[in-house]
Amino acid sequence: MKADKKTVAALIAYLQELPDGTEITTCQLMEAAGFSAANLDFPEMMNIHAALFRAAKRAAIDLDMSKHDDMDEGLPYNLDFKVTHLGK
């Protein structure tokens, strides 16, 4: 199942308003933007997470998860990333 384009677009719009250096997870971002992640299953969340990162790249927003490199921590959509707007 593909991620809903309207949901991802709304998440990108929310990210665009966050200040550089904000640390947030995909699940936290969804809740903050008015979506419930609680009733989504693993494949749906993984698709949204991946689509979010692709869309952020197109929007010149870096979502840096490098602090989690080489670590066994859990599900990617529950790990925080640092937001940086590249075009500013």
C-alpha atoms as a PDB file:
ATOM      1  CA  MET A   1       0.000   0.000   0.000  1.00  0.00           C
ATOM      2  CA  LYS A   2       1.325   3.432  -0.962  1.00  0.00           C
ATOM      3  CA  ALA A   3       1.329   6.346   1.437  1.00  0.00           C
ATOM      4  CA  ASP A   4      -1.531   8.811   0.973  1.00  0.00           C
ATOM      5  CA  LYS A   5      -0.192  11.814  -0.976  1.00  0.00           C
ATOM      6  CA  LYS A   6      -2.431  14.255   0.902  1.00  0.00           C
ATOM      7  CA  THR A   7      -1.121  13.009   4.252  1.00  0.00           C
ATOM      8  CA  VAL A   8       2.505  13.311   3.146  1.00  0.00           C
ATOM      9  CA  ALA A   9       1.847  16.783   1.689  1.00  0.00           C
ATOM     10  CA  ALA A  10       0.334  17.893   5.004  1.00  0.00           C
ATOM     11  CA  LEU A  11       3.354  16.515   6.886  1.00  0.00           C
ATOM     12  CA  ILE A  12       5.716  18.419   4.580  1.00  0.00           C
ATOM     13  CA  ALA A  13       3.706  21.612   5.118  1.00  0.00           C
ATOM     14  CA  TYR A  14       4.053  21.111   8.872  1.00  0.00           C
ATOM     15  CA  LEU A  15       7.800  20.433   8.562  1.00  0.00           C
ATOM     16  CA  GLN A  16       8.232  23.659   6.595  1.00  0.00           C
ATOM     17  CA  GLU A  17       7.014  25.598   9.624  1.00  0.00           C
ATOM     18  CA  LEU A  18       9.345  23.934  12.120  1.00  0.00           C
ATOM     19  CA  PRO A  19      12.559  25.726  13.030  1.00  0.00           C
ATOM     20  CA  ASP A  20      15.907  24.245  12.030  1.00  0.00           C
ATOM     21  CA  GLY A  21      17.224  21.884  14.669  1.00  0.00           C
ATOM     22  CA  THR A  22      13.811  20.559  15.690  1.00  0.00           C
ATOM     23  CA  GLU A  23      13.997  16.874  16.613  1.00  0.00           C
ATOM     24  CA  ILE A  24      10.838  14.869  15.973  1.00  0.00           C
ATOM     25  CA  THR A  25       9.757  11.376  14.897  1.00  0.00           C
ATOM     26  CA  THR A  26       7.443  10.510  12.029  1.00  0.00           C
ATOM     27  CA  CYS A  27       4.801   9.400  14.556  1.00  0.00           C
ATOM     28  CA  GLN A  28       5.133  12.635  16.556  1.00  0.00           C
ATOM     29  CA  LEU A  29       4.949  14.656  13.340  1.00  0.00           C
ATOM     30  CA  MET A  30       1.777  12.864  12.311  1.00  0.00           C
ATOM     31  CA  GLU A  31       0.131  13.542  15.676  1.00  0.00           C
ATOM     32  CA  ALA A  32       1.236  17.205  15.631  1.00  0.00           C
ATOM     33  CA  ALA A  33      -0.179  17.608  12.111  1.00  0.00           C
ATOM     34  CA  GLY A  34      -3.527  16.149  13.203  1.00  0.00           C
ATOM     35  CA  PHE A  35      -3.203  12.538  12.043  1.00  0.00           C
ATOM     36  CA  SER A  36      -3.482   9.455  14.216  1.00  0.00           C
ATOM     37  CA  ALA A  37      -0.679   6.945  13.808  1.00  0.00           C
ATOM     38  CA  ALA A  38      -2.205   4.647  16.425  1.00  0.00           C
ATOM     39  CA  ASN A  39      -4.564   2.867  14.033  1.00  0.00           C
ATOM     40  CA  LEU A  40      -2.015   2.326  11.239  1.00  0.00           C
ATOM     41  CA  ASP A  41      -0.193  -0.963  10.832  1.00  0.00           C
ATOM     42  CA  PHE A  42       3.517  -1.553  10.290  1.00  0.00           C
ATOM     43  CA  PRO A  43       3.499  -1.510   6.451  1.00  0.00           C
ATOM     44  CA  GLU A  44       1.408   1.670   6.363  1.00  0.00           C
ATOM     45  CA  MET A  45       3.730   3.465   8.782  1.00  0.00           C
ATOM     46  CA  MET A  46       6.842   2.304   6.923  1.00  0.00           C
ATOM     47  CA  ASN A  47       5.348   3.580   3.655  1.00  0.00           C
ATOM     48  CA  ILE A  48       4.492   6.956   5.182  1.00  0.00           C
ATOM     49  CA  HIS A  49       7.965   7.227   6.739  1.00  0.00           C
ATOM     50  CA  ALA A  50       9.690   6.445   3.421  1.00  0.00           C
ATOM     51  CA  ALA A  51       7.394   8.765   1.441  1.00  0.00           C
ATOM     52  CA  LEU A  52       7.989  11.542   3.974  1.00  0.00           C
ATOM     53  CA  PHE A  53      11.757  11.323   3.528  1.00  0.00           C
ATOM     54  CA  ARG A  54      11.461  11.319  -0.283  1.00  0.00           C
ATOM     55  CA  ALA A  55       9.090  14.303  -0.239  1.00  0.00           C
ATOM     56  CA  ALA A  56      11.271  16.205   2.234  1.00  0.00           C
ATOM     57  CA  LYS A  57      14.266  15.785  -0.057  1.00  0.00           C
ATOM     58  CA  ARG A  58      12.252  17.219  -2.973  1.00  0.00           C
ATOM     59  CA  ALA A  59      11.206  20.128  -0.720  1.00  0.00           C
ATOM     60  CA  ALA A  60      14.847  20.857   0.270  1.00  0.00           C
ATOM     61  CA  ILE A  61      14.312  19.736   3.857  1.00  0.00           C
ATOM     62  CA  ASP A  62      16.976  17.498   5.364  1.00  0.00           C
ATOM     63  CA  LEU A  63      15.706  14.952   7.879  1.00  0.00           C
ATOM     64  CA  ASP A  64      18.891  13.794   9.582  1.00  0.00           C
ATOM     65  CA  MET A  65      18.773  10.463  11.403  1.00  0.00           C
ATOM     66  CA  SER A  66      22.561  10.026  11.506  1.00  0.00           C
ATOM     67  CA  LYS A  67      22.695   9.867  15.295  1.00  0.00           C
ATOM     68  CA  HIS A  68      21.027   6.460  14.962  1.00  0.00           C
ATOM     69  CA  ASP A  69      23.618   5.078  12.511  1.00  0.00           C
ATOM     70  CA  ASP A  70      25.035   1.670  13.434  1.00  0.00           C
ATOM     71  CA  MET A  71      22.533   1.247  16.280  1.00  0.00           C
ATOM     72  CA  ASP A  72      19.832  -1.355  16.790  1.00  0.00           C
ATOM     73  CA  GLU A  73      17.087   0.827  18.219  1.00  0.00           C
ATOM     74  CA  GLY A  74      13.671   0.056  16.838  1.00  0.00           C
ATOM     75  CA  LEU A  75      11.227   1.075  14.176  1.00  0.00           C
ATOM     76  CA  PRO A  76      12.425   3.961  11.966  1.00  0.00           C
ATOM     77  CA  TYR A  77       9.186   5.916  12.315  1.00  0.00           C
ATOM     78  CA  ASN A  78       9.681   5.978  16.103  1.00  0.00           C
ATOM     79  CA  LEU A  79      13.254   7.332  15.899  1.00  0.00           C
ATOM     80  CA  ASP A  80      13.805  11.065  15.915  1.00  0.00           C
ATOM     81  CA  PHE A  81      15.357  13.062  13.116  1.00  0.00           C
ATOM     82  CA  LYS A  82      16.712  16.609  13.053  1.00  0.00           C
ATOM     83  CA  VAL A  83      15.003  19.032  10.653  1.00  0.00           C
ATOM     84  CA  THR A  84      17.143  21.380   8.530  1.00  0.00           C
ATOM     85  CA  HIS A  85      15.777  23.617   5.766  1.00  0.00           C
ATOM     86  CA  LEU A  86      18.397  23.625   3.019  1.00  0.00           C
ATOM     87  CA  GLY A  87      17.027  26.475   0.916  1.00  0.00           C
ATOM     88  CA  LYS A  88      17.245  29.187   3.592  1.00  0.00           C
END
